PDB file of N, CA and C in Angstrom:
ATOM      1  N   UNK A   1      -6.671  17.241  -8.431  1.00  0.00           N
ATOM      2  CA  UNK A   1      -6.915  16.097  -7.697  1.00  0.00           C
ATOM      3  C   UNK A   1      -6.332  14.829  -8.467  1.00  0.00           C
ATOM      4  N   UNK A   2      -5.835  13.814  -7.610  1.00  0.00           N
ATOM      5  CA  UNK A   2      -5.108  12.717  -8.168  1.00  0.00           C
ATOM      6  C   UNK A   2      -6.239  11.678  -8.766  1.00  0.00           C
ATOM      7  N   UNK A   3      -5.694  10.936  -9.890  1.00  0.00           N
ATOM      8  CA  UNK A   3      -6.441   9.904 -10.533  1.00  0.00           C
ATOM      9  C   UNK A   3      -5.623   8.634 -10.134  1.00  0.00           C
ATOM     10  N   UNK A   4      -6.356   7.679  -9.581  1.00  0.00           N
ATOM     11  CA  UNK A   4      -5.564   6.434  -9.249  1.00  0.00           C
ATOM     12  C   UNK A   4      -6.268   5.543 -10.178  1.00  0.00           C
ATOM     13  N   UNK A   5      -5.323   4.497 -10.535  1.00  0.00           N
ATOM     14  CA  UNK A   5      -5.628   3.618 -11.555  1.00  0.00           C
ATOM     15  C   UNK A   5      -6.033   2.245 -10.746  1.00  0.00           C
ATOM     16  N   UNK A   6      -7.142   1.908 -10.383  1.00  0.00           N
ATOM     17  CA  UNK A   6      -7.535   0.681  -9.787  1.00  0.00           C
ATOM     18  C   UNK A   6      -7.242  -0.435 -10.663  1.00  0.00           C
ATOM     19  N   UNK A   7      -6.533  -1.441 -10.405  1.00  0.00           N
ATOM     20  CA  UNK A   7      -6.330  -2.508 -11.261  1.00  0.00           C
ATOM     21  C   UNK A   7      -7.586  -3.417 -11.853  1.00  0.00           C
ATOM     22  N   UNK A   8      -8.703  -3.249 -11.023  1.00  0.00           N
ATOM     23  CA  UNK A   8      -9.920  -3.975 -11.383  1.00  0.00           C
ATOM     24  C   UNK A   8     -10.935  -2.860 -12.098  1.00  0.00           C
ATOM     25  N   UNK A   9     -11.011  -1.428 -11.628  1.00  0.00           N
ATOM     26  CA  UNK A   9     -12.057  -0.665 -12.105  1.00  0.00           C
ATOM     27  C   UNK A   9     -11.519   0.483 -13.091  1.00  0.00           C
ATOM     28  N   UNK A  10     -10.148   0.652 -13.155  1.00  0.00           N
ATOM     29  CA  UNK A  10      -9.559   1.602 -13.935  1.00  0.00           C
ATOM     30  C   UNK A  10      -9.371   3.034 -13.249  1.00  0.00           C
ATOM     31  N   UNK A  11      -8.996   4.018 -13.870  1.00  0.00           N
ATOM     32  CA  UNK A  11      -8.760   5.378 -13.265  1.00  0.00           C
ATOM     33  C   UNK A  11      -9.802   5.876 -12.618  1.00  0.00           C
ATOM     34  N   UNK A  12      -9.701   6.296 -11.468  1.00  0.00           N
ATOM     35  CA  UNK A  12     -10.921   6.846 -10.718  1.00  0.00           C
ATOM     36  C   UNK A  12     -10.342   8.167  -9.822  1.00  0.00           C
ATOM     37  N   UNK A  13     -11.039   9.044  -9.268  1.00  0.00           N
ATOM     38  CA  UNK A  13     -10.554  10.212  -8.500  1.00  0.00           C
ATOM     39  C   UNK A  13     -10.298   9.678  -7.018  1.00  0.00           C
ATOM     40  N   UNK A  14      -9.065  10.250  -6.632  1.00  0.00           N
ATOM     41  CA  UNK A  14      -8.471   9.930  -5.428  1.00  0.00           C
ATOM     42  C   UNK A  14      -9.385   9.734  -4.062  1.00  0.00           C
ATOM     43  N   UNK A  15     -10.679  10.619  -4.104  1.00  0.00           N
ATOM     44  CA  UNK A  15     -11.514  10.609  -2.919  1.00  0.00           C
ATOM     45  C   UNK A  15     -12.253   9.089  -2.958  1.00  0.00           C
ATOM     46  N   UNK A  16     -12.281   8.225  -3.902  1.00  0.00           N
ATOM     47  CA  UNK A  16     -12.810   6.956  -3.962  1.00  0.00           C
ATOM     48  C   UNK A  16     -12.005   6.025  -3.159  1.00  0.00           C
ATOM     49  N   UNK A  17     -10.689   6.409  -2.698  1.00  0.00           N
ATOM     50  CA  UNK A  17      -9.646   5.479  -2.109  1.00  0.00           C
ATOM     51  C   UNK A  17      -9.365   6.045  -0.798  1.00  0.00           C
ATOM     52  N   UNK A  18      -8.764   4.868  -0.009  1.00  0.00           N
ATOM     53  CA  UNK A  18      -8.168   4.969   1.308  1.00  0.00           C
ATOM     54  C   UNK A  18      -6.851   4.353   1.315  1.00  0.00           C
ATOM     55  N   UNK A  19      -6.058   5.267   1.825  1.00  0.00           N
ATOM     56  CA  UNK A  19      -4.566   4.652   2.160  1.00  0.00           C
ATOM     57  C   UNK A  19      -4.565   3.450   3.062  1.00  0.00           C
ATOM     58  N   UNK A  20      -3.947   2.363   2.784  1.00  0.00           N
ATOM     59  CA  UNK A  20      -3.727   1.197   3.626  1.00  0.00           C
ATOM     60  C   UNK A  20      -2.494   0.915   4.429  1.00  0.00           C
ATOM     61  N   UNK A  21      -1.519   1.887   4.203  1.00  0.00           N
ATOM     62  CA  UNK A  21      -0.154   1.648   4.949  1.00  0.00           C
ATOM     63  C   UNK A  21       0.836   1.156   3.843  1.00  0.00           C
ATOM     64  N   UNK A  22       1.918   0.627   4.417  1.00  0.00           N
ATOM     65  CA  UNK A  22       3.006   0.212   3.409  1.00  0.00           C
ATOM     66  C   UNK A  22       2.771  -1.101   2.927  1.00  0.00           C
ATOM     67  N   UNK A  23       2.898  -1.258   1.684  1.00  0.00           N
ATOM     68  CA  UNK A  23       2.773  -2.570   1.018  1.00  0.00           C
ATOM     69  C   UNK A  23       4.091  -3.475   1.413  1.00  0.00           C
ATOM     70  N   UNK A  24       3.357  -4.764   1.178  1.00  0.00           N
ATOM     71  CA  UNK A  24       4.657  -5.923   1.142  1.00  0.00           C
ATOM     72  C   UNK A  24       5.061  -6.221   2.752  1.00  0.00           C
ATOM     73  N   UNK A  25       4.294  -6.051   3.685  1.00  0.00           N
ATOM     74  CA  UNK A  25       4.447  -6.217   5.024  1.00  0.00           C
ATOM     75  C   UNK A  25       4.153  -7.589   5.350  1.00  0.00           C
ATOM     76  N   UNK A  26       4.826  -8.614   5.740  1.00  0.00           N
ATOM     77  CA  UNK A  26       4.576  -9.993   5.884  1.00  0.00           C
ATOM     78  C   UNK A  26       4.317 -10.096   7.334  1.00  0.00           C
ATOM     79  N   UNK A  27       3.042 -10.803   7.752  1.00  0.00           N
ATOM     80  CA  UNK A  27       2.843 -11.060   8.975  1.00  0.00           C
ATOM     81  C   UNK A  27       3.725 -12.299   9.547  1.00  0.00           C
ATOM     82  N   UNK A  28       4.258 -12.016  10.848  1.00  0.00           N
ATOM     83  CA  UNK A  28       5.047 -12.982  11.418  1.00  0.00           C
ATOM     84  C   UNK A  28       4.551 -14.282  11.381  1.00  0.00           C
ATOM     85  N   UNK A  29       5.374 -15.650  11.159  1.00  0.00           N
ATOM     86  CA  UNK A  29       4.760 -16.877  10.753  1.00  0.00           C
ATOM     87  C   UNK A  29       4.057 -17.330  12.251  1.00  0.00           C
ATOM     88  N   UNK A  30       4.873 -16.928  13.336  1.00  0.00           N
ATOM     89  CA  UNK A  30       4.457 -17.447  14.737  1.00  0.00           C
ATOM     90  C   UNK A  30       4.449 -16.241  15.579  1.00  0.00           C
ATOM     91  N   UNK A  31       3.174 -15.374  15.242  1.00  0.00           N
ATOM     92  CA  UNK A  31       3.275 -14.239  16.069  1.00  0.00           C
ATOM     93  C   UNK A  31       2.984 -14.411  17.495  1.00  0.00           C
ATOM     94  N   UNK A  32       2.441 -15.569  18.121  1.00  0.00           N
ATOM     95  CA  UNK A  32       2.351 -15.901  19.569  1.00  0.00           C
ATOM     96  C   UNK A  32       3.847 -15.928  20.226  1.00  0.00           C
ATOM     97  N   UNK A  33       4.775 -16.155  19.411  1.00  0.00           N
ATOM     98  CA  UNK A  33       6.326 -16.428  19.873  1.00  0.00           C
ATOM     99  C   UNK A  33       6.805 -15.124  20.005  1.00  0.00           C
ATOM    100  N   UNK A  34       6.321 -13.856  19.629  1.00  0.00           N
ATOM    101  CA  UNK A  34       7.048 -12.705  19.414  1.00  0.00           C
ATOM    102  C   UNK A  34       7.020 -11.873  20.927  1.00  0.00           C
ATOM    103  N   UNK A  35       8.035 -11.290  21.417  1.00  0.00           N
ATOM    104  CA  UNK A  35       7.896 -10.666  22.559  1.00  0.00           C
ATOM    105  C   UNK A  35       7.443  -9.192  22.184  1.00  0.00           C
ATOM    106  N   UNK A  36       7.029  -8.401  23.175  1.00  0.00           N
ATOM    107  CA  UNK A  36       6.409  -7.217  23.189  1.00  0.00           C
ATOM    108  C   UNK A  36       6.976  -6.200  22.220  1.00  0.00           C
ATOM    109  N   UNK A  37       8.391  -6.141  22.309  1.00  0.00           N
ATOM    110  CA  UNK A  37       9.218  -5.311  21.510  1.00  0.00           C
ATOM    111  C   UNK A  37       9.173  -5.706  19.937  1.00  0.00           C
ATOM    112  N   UNK A  38       9.170  -7.041  19.649  1.00  0.00           N
ATOM    113  CA  UNK A  38       9.026  -7.384  18.172  1.00  0.00           C
ATOM    114  C   UNK A  38       7.826  -7.133  17.654  1.00  0.00           C
ATOM    115  N   UNK A  39       6.628  -7.386  18.579  1.00  0.00           N
ATOM    116  CA  UNK A  39       5.249  -7.334  18.001  1.00  0.00           C
ATOM    117  C   UNK A  39       4.954  -5.835  17.785  1.00  0.00           C
ATOM    118  N   UNK A  40       5.490  -4.803  18.635  1.00  0.00           N
ATOM    119  CA  UNK A  40       5.252  -3.520  18.588  1.00  0.00           C
ATOM    120  C   UNK A  40       5.937  -3.103  17.276  1.00  0.00           C
ATOM    121  N   UNK A  41       7.156  -3.474  16.853  1.00  0.00           N
ATOM    122  CA  UNK A  41       7.877  -3.159  15.864  1.00  0.00           C
ATOM    123  C   UNK A  41       7.093  -3.734  14.355  1.00  0.00           C
ATOM    124  N   UNK A  42       6.496  -4.855  14.487  1.00  0.00           N
ATOM    125  CA  UNK A  42       5.812  -5.316  13.313  1.00  0.00           C
ATOM    126  C   UNK A  42       4.485  -4.426  13.094  1.00  0.00           C
ATOM    127  N   UNK A  43       3.988  -4.402  14.099  1.00  0.00           N
ATOM    128  CA  UNK A  43       2.668  -3.271  14.171  1.00  0.00           C
ATOM    129  C   UNK A  43       2.914  -1.809  13.480  1.00  0.00           C
ATOM    130  N   UNK A  44       3.850  -1.247  14.154  1.00  0.00           N
ATOM    131  CA  UNK A  44       4.020   0.202  14.014  1.00  0.00           C
ATOM    132  C   UNK A  44       5.337   0.686  13.289  1.00  0.00           C
ATOM    133  N   UNK A  45       6.413  -0.095  13.185  1.00  0.00           N
ATOM    134  CA  UNK A  45       7.586   0.507  12.446  1.00  0.00           C
ATOM    135  C   UNK A  45       7.355   0.340  11.022  1.00  0.00           C
ATOM    136  N   UNK A  46       7.511   1.515  10.363  1.00  0.00           N
ATOM    137  CA  UNK A  46       7.145   1.329   8.736  1.00  0.00           C
ATOM    138  C   UNK A  46       8.316   2.448   8.313  1.00  0.00           C
ATOM    139  N   UNK A  47       8.641   2.224   7.073  1.00  0.00           N
ATOM    140  CA  UNK A  47       9.451   3.033   6.319  1.00  0.00           C
ATOM    141  C   UNK A  47       8.713   4.416   5.858  1.00  0.00           C
ATOM    142  N   UNK A  48       9.427   5.391   5.820  1.00  0.00           N
ATOM    143  CA  UNK A  48       8.880   6.655   5.494  1.00  0.00           C
ATOM    144  C   UNK A  48       9.775   7.350   4.583  1.00  0.00           C
ATOM    145  N   UNK A  49      10.010   6.732   3.347  1.00  0.00           N
ATOM    146  CA  UNK A  49      11.053   7.156   2.499  1.00  0.00           C
ATOM    147  C   UNK A  49      10.695   8.622   1.818  1.00  0.00           C
ATOM    148  N   UNK A  50      11.722   9.380   1.610  1.00  0.00           N
ATOM    149  CA  UNK A  50      11.421  10.457   0.389  1.00  0.00           C
ATOM    150  C   UNK A  50      11.691   9.841  -0.881  1.00  0.00           C
ATOM    151  N   UNK A  51      10.846   9.864  -1.581  1.00  0.00           N
ATOM    152  CA  UNK A  51      10.903   9.304  -3.070  1.00  0.00           C
ATOM    153  C   UNK A  51       9.779   8.165  -3.221  1.00  0.00           C
ATOM    154  N   UNK A  52      10.342   7.020  -4.115  1.00  0.00           N
ATOM    155  CA  UNK A  52       9.600   5.971  -4.450  1.00  0.00           C
ATOM    156  C   UNK A  52       9.173   5.102  -3.227  1.00  0.00           C
ATOM    157  N   UNK A  53       7.874   4.673  -3.284  1.00  0.00           N
ATOM    158  CA  UNK A  53       7.442   4.056  -2.023  1.00  0.00           C
ATOM    159  C   UNK A  53       6.310   3.126  -2.417  1.00  0.00           C
ATOM    160  N   UNK A  54       6.368   1.897  -1.952  1.00  0.00           N
ATOM    161  CA  UNK A  54       5.124   0.777  -2.415  1.00  0.00           C
ATOM    162  C   UNK A  54       4.129   1.016  -1.040  1.00  0.00           C
ATOM    163  N   UNK A  55       2.941   1.364  -1.435  1.00  0.00           N
ATOM    164  CA  UNK A  55       1.800   1.345  -0.646  1.00  0.00           C
ATOM    165  C   UNK A  55       0.675   0.528  -0.901  1.00  0.00           C
ATOM    166  N   UNK A  56      -0.184   0.243   0.086  1.00  0.00           N
ATOM    167  CA  UNK A  56      -1.251  -0.392  -0.042  1.00  0.00           C
ATOM    168  C   UNK A  56      -2.715   0.609  -0.146  1.00  0.00           C
ATOM    169  N   UNK A  57      -3.473   0.504  -1.161  1.00  0.00           N
ATOM    170  CA  UNK A  57      -4.765   1.511  -1.056  1.00  0.00           C
ATOM    171  C   UNK A  57      -5.886   0.547  -1.267  1.00  0.00           C
ATOM    172  N   UNK A  58      -7.014   0.973  -0.803  1.00  0.00           N
ATOM    173  CA  UNK A  58      -8.169   0.159  -1.071  1.00  0.00           C
ATOM    174  C   UNK A  58      -9.328   1.089  -1.758  1.00  0.00           C
ATOM    175  N   UNK A  59      -9.994   0.596  -2.734  1.00  0.00           N
ATOM    176  CA  UNK A  59     -10.830   1.184  -3.705  1.00  0.00           C
ATOM    177  C   UNK A  59     -12.327   1.044  -2.835  1.00  0.00           C
ATOM    178  N   UNK A  60     -12.427   1.913  -1.651  1.00  0.00           N
ATOM    179  CA  UNK A  60     -13.539   1.777  -0.840  1.00  0.00           C
ATOM    180  C   UNK A  60     -15.065   2.263  -1.511  1.00  0.00           C
ATOM    181  N   UNK A  61     -14.941   3.056  -2.438  1.00  0.00           N
ATOM    182  CA  UNK A  61     -16.235   3.591  -3.109  1.00  0.00           C
ATOM    183  C   UNK A  61     -16.251   2.858  -4.585  1.00  0.00           C
ATOM    184  N   UNK A  62     -15.606   1.838  -4.723  1.00  0.00           N
ATOM    185  CA  UNK A  62     -15.741   1.038  -6.055  1.00  0.00           C
ATOM    186  C   UNK A  62     -15.919  -0.391  -5.749  1.00  0.00           C
ATOM    187  N   UNK A  63     -14.870  -1.154  -6.214  1.00  0.00           N
ATOM    188  CA  UNK A  63     -14.818  -2.621  -5.912  1.00  0.00           C
ATOM    189  C   UNK A  63     -14.671  -3.066  -4.446  1.00  0.00           C
ATOM    190  N   UNK A  64     -14.114  -2.184  -3.719  1.00  0.00           N
ATOM    191  CA  UNK A  64     -13.790  -2.429  -2.274  1.00  0.00           C
ATOM    192  C   UNK A  64     -12.413  -3.443  -2.219  1.00  0.00           C
ATOM    193  N   UNK A  65     -11.764  -3.547  -3.275  1.00  0.00           N
ATOM    194  CA  UNK A  65     -10.547  -4.320  -3.044  1.00  0.00           C
ATOM    195  C   UNK A  65      -9.255  -3.731  -2.628  1.00  0.00           C
ATOM    196  N   UNK A  66      -8.391  -4.206  -2.080  1.00  0.00           N
ATOM    197  CA  UNK A  66      -7.005  -3.507  -1.872  1.00  0.00           C
ATOM    198  C   UNK A  66      -6.126  -3.949  -3.103  1.00  0.00           C
ATOM    199  N   UNK A  67      -5.256  -3.131  -3.322  1.00  0.00           N
ATOM    200  CA  UNK A  67      -4.207  -3.147  -4.319  1.00  0.00           C
ATOM    201  C   UNK A  67      -2.964  -2.381  -3.791  1.00  0.00           C
ATOM    202  N   UNK A  68      -1.896  -2.672  -4.588  1.00  0.00           N
ATOM    203  CA  UNK A  68      -0.564  -1.984  -4.432  1.00  0.00           C
ATOM    204  C   UNK A  68      -0.419  -0.947  -5.347  1.00  0.00           C
ATOM    205  N   UNK A  69       0.272   0.115  -4.854  1.00  0.00           N
ATOM    206  CA  UNK A  69       0.739   1.356  -5.548  1.00  0.00           C
ATOM    207  C   UNK A  69       2.121   1.726  -5.324  1.00  0.00           C
ATOM    208  N   UNK A  70       2.786   2.095  -6.423  1.00  0.00           N
ATOM    209  CA  UNK A  70       4.124   2.595  -6.417  1.00  0.00           C
ATOM    210  C   UNK A  70       3.862   4.292  -6.533  1.00  0.00           C
ATOM    211  N   UNK A  71       4.199   4.957  -5.471  1.00  0.00           N
ATOM    212  CA  UNK A  71       3.918   6.468  -5.401  1.00  0.00           C
ATOM    213  C   UNK A  71       5.299   7.190  -5.107  1.00  0.00           C
ATOM    214  N   UNK A  72       5.703   8.097  -5.734  1.00  0.00           N
ATOM    215  CA  UNK A  72       6.713   9.109  -5.360  1.00  0.00           C
ATOM    216  C   UNK A  72       6.060  10.144  -4.308  1.00  0.00           C
ATOM    217  N   UNK A  73       6.903  10.035  -3.019  1.00  0.00           N
ATOM    218  CA  UNK A  73       6.247  10.893  -1.880  1.00  0.00           C
ATOM    219  C   UNK A  73       6.715  12.357  -1.991  1.00  0.00           C
ATOM    220  N   UNK A  74       7.614  12.515  -2.995  1.00  0.00           N
ATOM    221  CA  UNK A  74       8.046  14.116  -3.092  1.00  0.00           C
ATOM    222  C   UNK A  74       7.189  14.659  -4.033  1.00  0.00           C
ATOM    223  N   UNK A  75       6.863  14.068  -5.201  1.00  0.00           N
ATOM    224  CA  UNK A  75       6.109  14.785  -6.166  1.00  0.00           C
ATOM    225  C   UNK A  75       4.421  14.236  -6.203  1.00  0.00           C
ATOM    226  N   UNK A  76       4.307  13.217  -5.466  1.00  0.00           N
ATOM    227  CA  UNK A  76       2.855  12.562  -5.338  1.00  0.00           C
ATOM    228  C   UNK A  76       2.473  12.047  -6.488  1.00  0.00           C
ATOM    229  N   UNK A  77       3.628  11.798  -7.444  1.00  0.00           N
ATOM    230  CA  UNK A  77       3.136  11.107  -8.836  1.00  0.00           C
ATOM    231  C   UNK A  77       3.096   9.390  -8.646  1.00  0.00           C
ATOM    232  N   UNK A  78       1.946   8.977  -8.959  1.00  0.00           N
ATOM    233  CA  UNK A  78       1.921   7.550  -9.004  1.00  0.00           C
ATOM    234  C   UNK A  78       2.410   6.968 -10.331  1.00  0.00           C
ATOM    235  N   UNK A  79       3.401   6.029 -10.095  1.00  0.00           N
ATOM    236  CA  UNK A  79       4.096   5.407 -10.966  1.00  0.00           C
ATOM    237  C   UNK A  79       3.323   4.153 -11.540  1.00  0.00           C
ATOM    238  N   UNK A  80       2.848   3.380 -10.608  1.00  0.00           N
ATOM    239  CA  UNK A  80       2.190   2.104 -11.143  1.00  0.00           C
ATOM    240  C   UNK A  80       1.182   1.563 -10.071  1.00  0.00           C
ATOM    241  N   UNK A  81       0.226   0.787 -10.455  1.00  0.00           N
ATOM    242  CA  UNK A  81      -0.725   0.164  -9.369  1.00  0.00           C
ATOM    243  C   UNK A  81      -0.779  -1.316  -9.899  1.00  0.00           C
ATOM    244  N   UNK A  82      -0.922  -2.136  -8.860  1.00  0.00           N
ATOM    245  CA  UNK A  82      -0.788  -3.543  -9.136  1.00  0.00           C
ATOM    246  C   UNK A  82      -1.570  -4.409  -8.301  1.00  0.00           C
ATOM    247  N   UNK A  83      -1.933  -5.555  -8.477  1.00  0.00           N
ATOM    248  CA  UNK A  83      -2.744  -6.442  -7.792  1.00  0.00           C
ATOM    249  C   UNK A  83      -2.011  -7.030  -6.592  1.00  0.00           C
ATOM    250  N   UNK A  84      -2.542  -7.207  -5.501  1.00  0.00           N
ATOM    251  CA  UNK A  84      -1.652  -8.023  -4.432  1.00  0.00           C
ATOM    252  C   UNK A  84      -1.063  -9.401  -4.840  1.00  0.00           C
ATOM    253  N   UNK A  85       0.050  -9.678  -4.553  1.00  0.00           N
ATOM    254  CA  UNK A  85       0.517 -10.867  -5.003  1.00  0.00           C
ATOM    255  C   UNK A  85       1.461 -10.824  -6.099  1.00  0.00           C
ATOM    256  N   UNK A  86       1.273  -9.761  -6.938  1.00  0.00           N
ATOM    257  CA  UNK A  86       2.022  -9.557  -7.962  1.00  0.00           C
ATOM    258  C   UNK A  86       3.291  -8.802  -7.525  1.00  0.00           C
ATOM    259  N   UNK A  87       4.359  -8.941  -8.271  1.00  0.00           N
ATOM    260  CA  UNK A  87       5.721  -8.233  -7.790  1.00  0.00           C
ATOM    261  C   UNK A  87       5.639  -6.869  -8.176  1.00  0.00           C
ATOM    262  N   UNK A  88       6.117  -5.963  -7.324  1.00  0.00           N
ATOM    263  CA  UNK A  88       6.286  -4.409  -7.840  1.00  0.00           C
ATOM    264  C   UNK A  88       6.986  -4.332  -9.167  1.00  0.00           C
ATOM    265  N   UNK A  89       6.393  -3.507 -10.070  1.00  0.00           N
ATOM    266  CA  UNK A  89       7.012  -3.146 -11.336  1.00  0.00           C
ATOM    267  C   UNK A  89       8.446  -2.446 -11.017  1.00  0.00           C
ATOM    268  N   UNK A  90       9.465  -2.591 -11.801  1.00  0.00           N
ATOM    269  CA  UNK A  90      10.663  -2.121 -11.871  1.00  0.00           C
ATOM    270  C   UNK A  90      10.818  -0.749 -12.268  1.00  0.00           C
TER     271      UNK A  90
END
């Protein structure tokens, strides 16, 4: 079982968390002006890299907060977790 380090609660087992998608996706400034193709791309098109990937997670059985996580999708190793609004660690 993975241990995920919540930035607020500390290390907890993975079954306390839910994956929330790719991190650092900015909502369009004027969403009403987007055509259907652009809106569909914003909603559904995400990176699916092999290797290091920035993800959003939520600690649903703890503090309930969202946070960001750098995870290697090949090894499933978590490199770092950090609060929303903070830059991704290098």
